[in-house]
Amino acid sequence: MELVGFIIVFLVCMGIAKAINAMRGRLTVNGAGIYLALAALFVAWNVSLAWGSGLPPYELGYAFGRNVGPALIVGAVAAYYFFNFRTEKAHQRHVQQLREKRAAEQQV
């Protein structure tokens, strides 16, 4: 059930970024990056809670894995989309440079 929650948060982050990018007309916001930042905060919060809980090591590891596991699974998918976004952004920048170069050549 937690996995479904993290998937929904990931899809909401991607949707927000897609809406912002559509309004601006170019790739500026990385939704996967937003999710990864939120997941990092969640993991840090869980580590701080687990550290202060005073559980024995085996129970601490089980509780930590159960709480953070779904976030890391969705985080692996988000990491793929994060780097895919960076590749698309670099491609978009290259295409824009080619268009500007072609426009400058046609004006001469």
PDB file of N, CA and C in Angstrom:
ATOM      1  N   MET A   1       0.814  -1.182   0.000  1.00  0.00           N
ATOM      2  CA  MET A   1       0.000   0.000   0.000  1.00  0.00           C
ATOM      3  C   MET A   1       0.868   1.260   0.000  1.00  0.00           C
ATOM      4  N   GLU A   2       1.967   1.195   0.724  1.00  0.00           N
ATOM      5  CA  GLU A   2       2.868   2.346   0.742  1.00  0.00           C
ATOM      6  C   GLU A   2       3.447   2.598  -0.644  1.00  0.00           C
ATOM      7  N   LEU A   3       3.708   1.510  -1.361  1.00  0.00           N
ATOM      8  CA  LEU A   3       4.259   1.637  -2.709  1.00  0.00           C
ATOM      9  C   LEU A   3       3.309   2.425  -3.604  1.00  0.00           C
ATOM     10  N   VAL A   4       2.021   2.161  -3.479  1.00  0.00           N
ATOM     11  CA  VAL A   4       1.029   2.887  -4.268  1.00  0.00           C
ATOM     12  C   VAL A   4       1.073   4.378  -3.926  1.00  0.00           C
ATOM     13  N   GLY A   5       1.222   4.683  -2.654  1.00  0.00           N
ATOM     14  CA  GLY A   5       1.320   6.085  -2.226  1.00  0.00           C
ATOM     15  C   GLY A   5       2.518   6.790  -2.838  1.00  0.00           C
ATOM     16  N   PHE A   6       3.662   6.120  -2.849  1.00  0.00           N
ATOM     17  CA  PHE A   6       4.855   6.732  -3.439  1.00  0.00           C
ATOM     18  C   PHE A   6       4.728   6.864  -4.947  1.00  0.00           C
ATOM     19  N   ILE A   7       4.056   5.917  -5.587  1.00  0.00           N
ATOM     20  CA  ILE A   7       3.829   6.019  -7.030  1.00  0.00           C
ATOM     21  C   ILE A   7       2.927   7.214  -7.324  1.00  0.00           C
ATOM     22  N   ILE A   8       1.907   7.417  -6.511  1.00  0.00           N
ATOM     23  CA  ILE A   8       1.017   8.567  -6.702  1.00  0.00           C
ATOM     24  C   ILE A   8       1.777   9.872  -6.519  1.00  0.00           C
ATOM     25  N   VAL A   9       2.622   9.956  -5.496  1.00  0.00           N
ATOM     26  CA  VAL A   9       3.427  11.166  -5.289  1.00  0.00           C
ATOM     27  C   VAL A   9       4.349  11.399  -6.481  1.00  0.00           C
ATOM     28  N   PHE A  10       4.947  10.343  -6.999  1.00  0.00           N
ATOM     29  CA  PHE A  10       5.821  10.465  -8.170  1.00  0.00           C
ATOM     30  C   PHE A  10       5.045  10.984  -9.375  1.00  0.00           C
ATOM     31  N   LEU A  11       3.855  10.424  -9.616  1.00  0.00           N
ATOM     32  CA  LEU A  11       3.051  10.863 -10.755  1.00  0.00           C
ATOM     33  C   LEU A  11       2.581  12.305 -10.595  1.00  0.00           C
ATOM     34  N   VAL A  12       2.271  12.714  -9.372  1.00  0.00           N
ATOM     35  CA  VAL A  12       1.891  14.104  -9.133  1.00  0.00           C
ATOM     36  C   VAL A  12       3.076  15.034  -9.424  1.00  0.00           C
ATOM     37  N   CYS A  13       4.261  14.659  -8.978  1.00  0.00           N
ATOM     38  CA  CYS A  13       5.460  15.473  -9.260  1.00  0.00           C
ATOM     39  C   CYS A  13       5.708  15.579 -10.767  1.00  0.00           C
ATOM     40  N   MET A  14       5.566  14.461 -11.468  1.00  0.00           N
ATOM     41  CA  MET A  14       5.759  14.481 -12.922  1.00  0.00           C
ATOM     42  C   MET A  14       4.692  15.329 -13.595  1.00  0.00           C
ATOM     43  N   GLY A  15       3.456  15.272 -13.110  1.00  0.00           N
ATOM     44  CA  GLY A  15       2.374  16.065 -13.684  1.00  0.00           C
ATOM     45  C   GLY A  15       2.576  17.549 -13.470  1.00  0.00           C
ATOM     46  N   ILE A  16       3.008  17.937 -12.281  1.00  0.00           N
ATOM     47  CA  ILE A  16       3.277  19.345 -12.000  1.00  0.00           C
ATOM     48  C   ILE A  16       4.379  19.859 -12.917  1.00  0.00           C
ATOM     49  N   ALA A  17       5.439  19.081 -13.054  1.00  0.00           N
ATOM     50  CA  ALA A  17       6.548  19.496 -13.921  1.00  0.00           C
ATOM     51  C   ALA A  17       6.098  19.578 -15.374  1.00  0.00           C
ATOM     52  N   LYS A  18       5.290  18.637 -15.819  1.00  0.00           N
ATOM     53  CA  LYS A  18       4.802  18.653 -17.204  1.00  0.00           C
ATOM     54  C   LYS A  18       3.948  19.893 -17.454  1.00  0.00           C
ATOM     55  N   ALA A  19       3.099  20.259 -16.494  1.00  0.00           N
ATOM     56  CA  ALA A  19       2.265  21.450 -16.645  1.00  0.00           C
ATOM     57  C   ALA A  19       3.119  22.712 -16.708  1.00  0.00           C
ATOM     58  N   ILE A  20       4.119  22.807 -15.854  1.00  0.00           N
ATOM     59  CA  ILE A  20       4.998  23.990 -15.858  1.00  0.00           C
ATOM     60  C   ILE A  20       5.785  24.053 -17.154  1.00  0.00           C
ATOM     61  N   ASN A  21       6.316  22.925 -17.594  1.00  0.00           N
ATOM     62  CA  ASN A  21       7.078  22.905 -18.847  1.00  0.00           C
ATOM     63  C   ASN A  21       6.189  23.247 -20.040  1.00  0.00           C
ATOM     64  N   ALA A  22       4.935  22.805 -20.024  1.00  0.00           N
ATOM     65  CA  ALA A  22       4.014  23.120 -21.127  1.00  0.00           C
ATOM     66  C   ALA A  22       3.697  24.612 -21.152  1.00  0.00           C
ATOM     67  N   MET A  23       3.541  25.222 -19.991  1.00  0.00           N
ATOM     68  CA  MET A  23       3.259  26.659 -19.940  1.00  0.00           C
ATOM     69  C   MET A  23       4.448  27.476 -20.432  1.00  0.00           C
ATOM     70  N   ARG A  24       5.643  27.030 -20.106  1.00  0.00           N
ATOM     71  CA  ARG A  24       6.845  27.770 -20.502  1.00  0.00           C
ATOM     72  C   ARG A  24       7.279  27.458 -21.922  1.00  0.00           C
ATOM     73  N   GLY A  25       6.847  26.323 -22.452  1.00  0.00           N
ATOM     74  CA  GLY A  25       7.196  25.964 -23.820  1.00  0.00           C
ATOM     75  C   GLY A  25       8.581  25.368 -23.976  1.00  0.00           C
ATOM     76  N   ARG A  26       9.222  25.051 -22.882  1.00  0.00           N
ATOM     77  CA  ARG A  26      10.538  24.401 -22.931  1.00  0.00           C
ATOM     78  C   ARG A  26      10.737  23.596 -21.651  1.00  0.00           C
ATOM     79  N   LEU A  27      11.762  22.783 -21.647  1.00  0.00           N
ATOM     80  CA  LEU A  27      12.025  21.927 -20.485  1.00  0.00           C
ATOM     81  C   LEU A  27      12.781  22.724 -19.424  1.00  0.00           C
ATOM     82  N   THR A  28      12.124  23.006 -18.326  1.00  0.00           N
ATOM     83  CA  THR A  28      12.781  23.738 -17.247  1.00  0.00           C
ATOM     84  C   THR A  28      12.688  23.011 -15.911  1.00  0.00           C
ATOM     85  N   VAL A  29      11.567  22.317 -15.659  1.00  0.00           N
ATOM     86  CA  VAL A  29      11.352  21.675 -14.360  1.00  0.00           C
ATOM     87  C   VAL A  29      11.403  20.162 -14.527  1.00  0.00           C
ATOM     88  N   ASN A  30      12.179  19.526 -13.683  1.00  0.00           N
ATOM     89  CA  ASN A  30      12.341  18.068 -13.722  1.00  0.00           C
ATOM     90  C   ASN A  30      11.496  17.456 -12.608  1.00  0.00           C
ATOM     91  N   GLY A  31      10.390  16.821 -12.978  1.00  0.00           N
ATOM     92  CA  GLY A  31       9.502  16.211 -11.986  1.00  0.00           C
ATOM     93  C   GLY A  31      10.158  15.092 -11.216  1.00  0.00           C
ATOM     94  N   ALA A  32      11.004  14.319 -11.886  1.00  0.00           N
ATOM     95  CA  ALA A  32      11.709  13.237 -11.195  1.00  0.00           C
ATOM     96  C   ALA A  32      12.682  13.808 -10.170  1.00  0.00           C
ATOM     97  N   GLY A  33      13.271  14.948 -10.474  1.00  0.00           N
ATOM     98  CA  GLY A  33      14.158  15.614  -9.513  1.00  0.00           C
ATOM     99  C   GLY A  33      13.397  16.068  -8.274  1.00  0.00           C
ATOM    100  N   ILE A  34      12.177  16.556  -8.486  1.00  0.00           N
ATOM    101  CA  ILE A  34      11.335  16.952  -7.351  1.00  0.00           C
ATOM    102  C   ILE A  34      11.053  15.734  -6.473  1.00  0.00           C
ATOM    103  N   TYR A  35      10.685  14.610  -7.103  1.00  0.00           N
ATOM    104  CA  TYR A  35      10.408  13.403  -6.329  1.00  0.00           C
ATOM    105  C   TYR A  35      11.655  12.928  -5.581  1.00  0.00           C
ATOM    106  N   LEU A  36      12.800  12.935  -6.261  1.00  0.00           N
ATOM    107  CA  LEU A  36      14.030  12.477  -5.607  1.00  0.00           C
ATOM    108  C   LEU A  36      14.376  13.345  -4.402  1.00  0.00           C
ATOM    109  N   ALA A  37      14.136  14.654  -4.503  1.00  0.00           N
ATOM    110  CA  ALA A  37      14.384  15.534  -3.357  1.00  0.00           C
ATOM    111  C   ALA A  37      13.429  15.203  -2.211  1.00  0.00           C
ATOM    112  N   LEU A  38      12.152  14.990  -2.529  1.00  0.00           N
ATOM    113  CA  LEU A  38      11.188  14.619  -1.489  1.00  0.00           C
ATOM    114  C   LEU A  38      11.530  13.259  -0.876  1.00  0.00           C
ATOM    115  N   ALA A  39      11.939  12.310  -1.707  1.00  0.00           N
ATOM    116  CA  ALA A  39      12.304  10.985  -1.193  1.00  0.00           C
ATOM    117  C   ALA A  39      13.543  11.071  -0.308  1.00  0.00           C
ATOM    118  N   ALA A  40      14.500  11.915  -0.678  1.00  0.00           N
ATOM    119  CA  ALA A  40      15.697  12.079   0.155  1.00  0.00           C
ATOM    120  C   ALA A  40      15.329  12.657   1.522  1.00  0.00           C
ATOM    121  N   LEU A  41      14.410  13.622   1.538  1.00  0.00           N
ATOM    122  CA  LEU A  41      13.948  14.168   2.820  1.00  0.00           C
ATOM    123  C   LEU A  41      13.234  13.101   3.643  1.00  0.00           C
ATOM    124  N   PHE A  42      12.422  12.284   2.989  1.00  0.00           N
ATOM    125  CA  PHE A  42      11.706  11.213   3.677  1.00  0.00           C
ATOM    126  C   PHE A  42      12.687  10.204   4.276  1.00  0.00           C
ATOM    127  N   VAL A  43      13.681   9.825   3.517  1.00  0.00           N
ATOM    128  CA  VAL A  43      14.674   8.861   4.010  1.00  0.00           C
ATOM    129  C   VAL A  43      15.452   9.454   5.178  1.00  0.00           C
ATOM    130  N   ALA A  44      15.861  10.731   5.054  1.00  0.00           N
ATOM    131  CA  ALA A  44      16.599  11.373   6.148  1.00  0.00           C
ATOM    132  C   ALA A  44      15.738  11.439   7.411  1.00  0.00           C
ATOM    133  N   TRP A  45      14.473  11.738   7.244  1.00  0.00           N
ATOM    134  CA  TRP A  45      13.563  11.794   8.389  1.00  0.00           C
ATOM    135  C   TRP A  45      13.430  10.417   9.039  1.00  0.00           C
ATOM    136  N   ASN A  46      13.307   9.374   8.217  1.00  0.00           N
ATOM    137  CA  ASN A  46      13.199   8.012   8.754  1.00  0.00           C
ATOM    138  C   ASN A  46      14.482   7.577   9.440  1.00  0.00           C
ATOM    139  N   VAL A  47      15.625   7.955   8.912  1.00  0.00           N
ATOM    140  CA  VAL A  47      16.897   7.613   9.560  1.00  0.00           C
ATOM    141  C   VAL A  47      16.976   8.279  10.922  1.00  0.00           C
ATOM    142  N   SER A  48      16.583   9.559  11.000  1.00  0.00           N
ATOM    143  CA  SER A  48      16.649  10.249  12.285  1.00  0.00           C
ATOM    144  C   SER A  48      15.671   9.631  13.293  1.00  0.00           C
ATOM    145  N   LEU A  49      14.492   9.242  12.838  1.00  0.00           N
ATOM    146  CA  LEU A  49      13.545   8.583  13.741  1.00  0.00           C
ATOM    147  C   LEU A  49      14.050   7.209  14.176  1.00  0.00           C
ATOM    148  N   ALA A  50      14.601   6.452  13.239  1.00  0.00           N
ATOM    149  CA  ALA A  50      15.093   5.115  13.553  1.00  0.00           C
ATOM    150  C   ALA A  50      16.289   5.185  14.505  1.00  0.00           C
ATOM    151  N   TRP A  51      17.132   6.182  14.316  1.00  0.00           N
ATOM    152  CA  TRP A  51      18.323   6.296  15.152  1.00  0.00           C
ATOM    153  C   TRP A  51      17.948   6.558  16.612  1.00  0.00           C
ATOM    154  N   GLY A  52      16.914   7.356  16.804  1.00  0.00           N
ATOM    155  CA  GLY A  52      16.517   7.689  18.167  1.00  0.00           C
ATOM    156  C   GLY A  52      15.503   6.744  18.779  1.00  0.00           C
ATOM    157  N   SER A  53      15.133   5.688  18.089  1.00  0.00           N
ATOM    158  CA  SER A  53      14.082   4.805  18.585  1.00  0.00           C
ATOM    159  C   SER A  53      14.563   3.843  19.665  1.00  0.00           C
ATOM    160  N   GLY A  54      15.835   3.513  19.657  1.00  0.00           N
ATOM    161  CA  GLY A  54      16.363   2.593  20.651  1.00  0.00           C
ATOM    162  C   GLY A  54      16.017   1.134  20.396  1.00  0.00           C
ATOM    163  N   LEU A  55      15.663   0.794  19.164  1.00  0.00           N
ATOM    164  CA  LEU A  55      15.365  -0.595  18.828  1.00  0.00           C
ATOM    165  C   LEU A  55      16.652  -1.407  18.705  1.00  0.00           C
ATOM    166  N   PRO A  56      16.587  -2.717  18.951  1.00  0.00           N
ATOM    167  CA  PRO A  56      17.748  -3.568  18.690  1.00  0.00           C
ATOM    168  C   PRO A  56      18.072  -3.554  17.197  1.00  0.00           C
ATOM    169  N   PRO A  57      19.306  -3.866  16.826  1.00  0.00           N
ATOM    170  CA  PRO A  57      19.718  -3.746  15.422  1.00  0.00           C
ATOM    171  C   PRO A  57      18.850  -4.514  14.429  1.00  0.00           C
ATOM    172  N   TYR A  58      18.455  -5.745  14.752  1.00  0.00           N
ATOM    173  CA  TYR A  58      17.676  -6.523  13.792  1.00  0.00           C
ATOM    174  C   TYR A  58      16.288  -5.908  13.590  1.00  0.00           C
ATOM    175  N   GLU A  59      15.662  -5.402  14.651  1.00  0.00           N
ATOM    176  CA  GLU A  59      14.357  -4.754  14.520  1.00  0.00           C
ATOM    177  C   GLU A  59      14.487  -3.397  13.829  1.00  0.00           C
ATOM    178  N   LEU A  60      15.574  -2.723  14.105  1.00  0.00           N
ATOM    179  CA  LEU A  60      15.815  -1.425  13.473  1.00  0.00           C
ATOM    180  C   LEU A  60      15.956  -1.583  11.965  1.00  0.00           C
ATOM    181  N   GLY A  61      16.721  -2.590  11.539  1.00  0.00           N
ATOM    182  CA  GLY A  61      16.892  -2.833  10.111  1.00  0.00           C
ATOM    183  C   GLY A  61      15.600  -3.214   9.426  1.00  0.00           C
ATOM    184  N   TYR A  62      14.796  -4.028  10.089  1.00  0.00           N
ATOM    185  CA  TYR A  62      13.514  -4.445   9.520  1.00  0.00           C
ATOM    186  C   TYR A  62      12.581  -3.240   9.378  1.00  0.00           C
ATOM    187  N   ALA A  63      12.474  -2.443  10.437  1.00  0.00           N
ATOM    188  CA  ALA A  63      11.588  -1.275  10.409  1.00  0.00           C
ATOM    189  C   ALA A  63      12.066  -0.259   9.368  1.00  0.00           C
ATOM    190  N   PHE A  64      13.369  -0.066   9.309  1.00  0.00           N
ATOM    191  CA  PHE A  64      13.918   0.894   8.354  1.00  0.00           C
ATOM    192  C   PHE A  64      13.677   0.425   6.919  1.00  0.00           C
ATOM    193  N   GLY A  65      13.911  -0.837   6.649  1.00  0.00           N
ATOM    194  CA  GLY A  65      13.689  -1.370   5.306  1.00  0.00           C
ATOM    195  C   GLY A  65      12.228  -1.335   4.906  1.00  0.00           C
ATOM    196  N   ARG A  66      11.362  -1.591   5.848  1.00  0.00           N
ATOM    197  CA  ARG A  66       9.925  -1.570   5.556  1.00  0.00           C
ATOM    198  C   ARG A  66       9.432  -0.153   5.274  1.00  0.00           C
ATOM    199  N   ASN A  67       9.975   0.824   5.964  1.00  0.00           N
ATOM    200  CA  ASN A  67       9.543   2.206   5.771  1.00  0.00           C
ATOM    201  C   ASN A  67      10.161   2.845   4.535  1.00  0.00           C
ATOM    202  N   VAL A  68      11.423   2.566   4.293  1.00  0.00           N
ATOM    203  CA  VAL A  68      12.147   3.263   3.229  1.00  0.00           C
ATOM    204  C   VAL A  68      12.151   2.484   1.917  1.00  0.00           C
ATOM    205  N   GLY A  69      11.927   1.187   1.959  1.00  0.00           N
ATOM    206  CA  GLY A  69      11.964   0.355   0.753  1.00  0.00           C
ATOM    207  C   GLY A  69      11.097   0.850  -0.392  1.00  0.00           C
ATOM    208  N   PRO A  70       9.809   1.124  -0.163  1.00  0.00           N
ATOM    209  CA  PRO A  70       8.975   1.595  -1.277  1.00  0.00           C
ATOM    210  C   PRO A  70       9.461   2.913  -1.878  1.00  0.00           C
ATOM    211  N   ALA A  71       9.948   3.813  -1.036  1.00  0.00           N
ATOM    212  CA  ALA A  71      10.451   5.090  -1.545  1.00  0.00           C
ATOM    213  C   ALA A  71      11.672   4.866  -2.436  1.00  0.00           C
ATOM    214  N   LEU A  72      12.513   3.907  -2.073  1.00  0.00           N
ATOM    215  CA  LEU A  72      13.708   3.635  -2.868  1.00  0.00           C
ATOM    216  C   LEU A  72      13.374   2.908  -4.169  1.00  0.00           C
ATOM    217  N   ILE A  73      12.345   2.063  -4.148  1.00  0.00           N
ATOM    218  CA  ILE A  73      11.929   1.372  -5.379  1.00  0.00           C
ATOM    219  C   ILE A  73      11.433   2.389  -6.403  1.00  0.00           C
ATOM    220  N   VAL A  74      10.561   3.273  -5.971  1.00  0.00           N
ATOM    221  CA  VAL A  74      10.060   4.312  -6.877  1.00  0.00           C
ATOM    222  C   VAL A  74      11.198   5.285  -7.207  1.00  0.00           C
ATOM    223  N   GLY A  75      12.124   5.481  -6.277  1.00  0.00           N
ATOM    224  CA  GLY A  75      13.275   6.340  -6.524  1.00  0.00           C
ATOM    225  C   GLY A  75      14.161   5.820  -7.642  1.00  0.00           C
ATOM    226  N   ALA A  76      14.252   4.508  -7.784  1.00  0.00           N
ATOM    227  CA  ALA A  76      15.032   3.942  -8.888  1.00  0.00           C
ATOM    228  C   ALA A  76      14.407   4.304 -10.232  1.00  0.00           C
ATOM    229  N   VAL A  77      13.086   4.243 -10.299  1.00  0.00           N
ATOM    230  CA  VAL A  77      12.385   4.644 -11.525  1.00  0.00           C
ATOM    231  C   VAL A  77      12.556   6.142 -11.753  1.00  0.00           C
ATOM    232  N   ALA A  78      12.464   6.916 -10.677  1.00  0.00           N
ATOM    233  CA  ALA A  78      12.626   8.365 -10.782  1.00  0.00           C
ATOM    234  C   ALA A  78      14.032   8.731 -11.244  1.00  0.00           C
ATOM    235  N   ALA A  79      15.042   7.973 -10.809  1.00  0.00           N
ATOM    236  CA  ALA A  79      16.412   8.251 -11.250  1.00  0.00           C
ATOM    237  C   ALA A  79      16.542   8.074 -12.757  1.00  0.00           C
ATOM    238  N   TYR A  80      15.882   7.052 -13.292  1.00  0.00           N
ATOM    239  CA  TYR A  80      15.881   6.872 -14.755  1.00  0.00           C
ATOM    240  C   TYR A  80      15.278   8.091 -15.443  1.00  0.00           C
ATOM    241  N   TYR A  81      14.113   8.523 -14.980  1.00  0.00           N
ATOM    242  CA  TYR A  81      13.466   9.681 -15.594  1.00  0.00           C
ATOM    243  C   TYR A  81      14.246  10.969 -15.368  1.00  0.00           C
ATOM    244  N   PHE A  82      14.963  11.064 -14.249  1.00  0.00           N
ATOM    245  CA  PHE A  82      15.788  12.238 -13.986  1.00  0.00           C
ATOM    246  C   PHE A  82      16.873  12.380 -15.054  1.00  0.00           C
ATOM    247  N   PHE A  83      17.583  11.290 -15.315  1.00  0.00           N
ATOM    248  CA  PHE A  83      18.652  11.363 -16.310  1.00  0.00           C
ATOM    249  C   PHE A  83      18.097  11.406 -17.729  1.00  0.00           C
ATOM    250  N   ASN A  84      16.935  10.811 -17.959  1.00  0.00           N
ATOM    251  CA  ASN A  84      16.275  10.916 -19.257  1.00  0.00           C
ATOM    252  C   ASN A  84      15.905  12.373 -19.533  1.00  0.00           C
ATOM    253  N   PHE A  85      15.424  13.092 -18.526  1.00  0.00           N
ATOM    254  CA  PHE A  85      15.092  14.505 -18.665  1.00  0.00           C
ATOM    255  C   PHE A  85      16.329  15.316 -19.025  1.00  0.00           C
ATOM    256  N   ARG A  86      17.431  15.022 -18.359  1.00  0.00           N
ATOM    257  CA  ARG A  86      18.675  15.755 -18.644  1.00  0.00           C
ATOM    258  C   ARG A  86      19.121  15.529 -20.084  1.00  0.00           C
ATOM    259  N   THR A  87      18.949  14.307 -20.578  1.00  0.00           N
ATOM    260  CA  THR A  87      19.308  14.005 -21.961  1.00  0.00           C
ATOM    261  C   THR A  87      18.394  14.757 -22.928  1.00  0.00           C
ATOM    262  N   GLU A  88      17.101  14.766 -22.643  1.00  0.00           N
ATOM    263  CA  GLU A  88      16.162  15.486 -23.500  1.00  0.00           C
ATOM    264  C   GLU A  88      16.443  16.981 -23.500  1.00  0.00           C
ATOM    265  N   LYS A  89      16.797  17.514 -22.337  1.00  0.00           N
ATOM    266  CA  LYS A  89      17.097  18.941 -22.240  1.00  0.00           C
ATOM    267  C   LYS A  89      18.348  19.281 -23.048  1.00  0.00           C
ATOM    268  N   ALA A  90      19.363  18.446 -22.986  1.00  0.00           N
ATOM    269  CA  ALA A  90      20.577  18.675 -23.780  1.00  0.00           C
ATOM    270  C   ALA A  90      20.266  18.578 -25.265  1.00  0.00           C
ATOM    271  N   HIS A  91      19.414  17.644 -25.657  1.00  0.00           N
ATOM    272  CA  HIS A  91      19.024  17.514 -27.056  1.00  0.00           C
ATOM    273  C   HIS A  91      18.242  18.748 -27.502  1.00  0.00           C
ATOM    274  N   GLN A  92      17.343  19.221 -26.660  1.00  0.00           N
ATOM    275  CA  GLN A  92      16.569  20.415 -26.990  1.00  0.00           C
ATOM    276  C   GLN A  92      17.487  21.626 -27.166  1.00  0.00           C
ATOM    277  N   ARG A  93      18.482  21.758 -26.312  1.00  0.00           N
ATOM    278  CA  ARG A  93      19.436  22.863 -26.417  1.00  0.00           C
ATOM    279  C   ARG A  93      20.224  22.766 -27.723  1.00  0.00           C
ATOM    280  N   HIS A  94      20.629  21.553 -28.096  1.00  0.00           N
ATOM    281  CA  HIS A  94      21.379  21.347 -29.343  1.00  0.00           C
ATOM    282  C   HIS A  94      20.520  21.701 -30.554  1.00  0.00           C
ATOM    283  N   VAL A  95      19.273  21.274 -30.558  1.00  0.00           N
ATOM    284  CA  VAL A  95      18.368  21.587 -31.668  1.00  0.00           C
ATOM    285  C   VAL A  95      18.149  23.092 -31.753  1.00  0.00           C
ATOM    286  N   GLN A  96      18.007  23.752 -30.614  1.00  0.00           N
ATOM    287  CA  GLN A  96      17.821  25.211 -30.614  1.00  0.00           C
ATOM    288  C   GLN A  96      19.043  25.917 -31.190  1.00  0.00           C
ATOM    289  N   GLN A  97      20.224  25.454 -30.874  1.00  0.00           N
ATOM    290  CA  GLN A  97      21.441  26.045 -31.430  1.00  0.00           C
ATOM    291  C   GLN A  97      21.501  25.847 -32.931  1.00  0.00           C
ATOM    292  N   LEU A  98      21.116  24.673 -33.395  1.00  0.00           N
ATOM    293  CA  LEU A  98      21.093  24.427 -34.837  1.00  0.00           C
ATOM    294  C   LEU A  98      20.083  25.325 -35.538  1.00  0.00           C
ATOM    295  N   ARG A  99      18.924  25.535 -34.945  1.00  0.00           N
ATOM    296  CA  ARG A  99      17.916  26.422 -35.534  1.00  0.00           C
ATOM    297  C   ARG A  99      18.419  27.859 -35.600  1.00  0.00           C
ATOM    298  N   GLU A 100      19.063  28.299 -34.530  1.00  0.00           N
ATOM    299  CA  GLU A 100      19.605  29.655 -34.525  1.00  0.00           C
ATOM    300  C   GLU A 100      20.706  29.810 -35.568  1.00  0.00           C
ATOM    301  N   LYS A 101      21.542  28.795 -35.706  1.00  0.00           N
ATOM    302  CA  LYS A 101      22.608  28.834 -36.708  1.00  0.00           C
ATOM    303  C   LYS A 101      22.019  28.881 -38.112  1.00  0.00           C
ATOM    304  N   ARG A 102      20.999  28.074 -38.372  1.00  0.00           N
ATOM    305  CA  ARG A 102      20.361  28.051 -39.691  1.00  0.00           C
ATOM    306  C   ARG A 102      19.691  29.407 -39.975  1.00  0.00           C
ATOM    307  N   ALA A 103      19.044  29.990 -38.990  1.00  0.00           N
ATOM    308  CA  ALA A 103      18.389  31.286 -39.170  1.00  0.00           C
ATOM    309  C   ALA A 103      19.423  32.377 -39.447  1.00  0.00           C
ATOM    310  N   ALA A 104      20.578  32.315 -38.777  1.00  0.00           N
ATOM    311  CA  ALA A 104      21.630  33.297 -39.013  1.00  0.00           C
ATOM    312  C   ALA A 104      22.220  33.153 -40.408  1.00  0.00           C
ATOM    313  N   GLU A 105      22.347  31.910 -40.891  1.00  0.00           N
ATOM    314  CA  GLU A 105      22.872  31.669 -42.237  1.00  0.00           C
ATOM    315  C   GLU A 105      21.896  32.155 -43.309  1.00  0.00           C
ATOM    316  N   GLN A 106      20.605  32.023 -43.068  1.00  0.00           N
ATOM    317  CA  GLN A 106      19.603  32.448 -44.062  1.00  0.00           C
ATOM    318  C   GLN A 106      19.493  33.961 -44.140  1.00  0.00           C
ATOM    319  N   GLN A 107      19.830  34.651 -43.062  1.00  0.00           N
ATOM    320  CA  GLN A 107      19.761  36.114 -43.056  1.00  0.00           C
ATOM    321  C   GLN A 107      20.926  36.729 -43.831  1.00  0.00           C
ATOM    322  N   VAL A 108      22.020  36.002 -43.934  1.00  0.00           N
ATOM    323  CA  VAL A 108      23.207  36.522 -44.620  1.00  0.00           C
ATOM    324  C   VAL A 108      23.103  36.405 -46.078  1.00  0.00           C
TER     325      VAL A 108
END
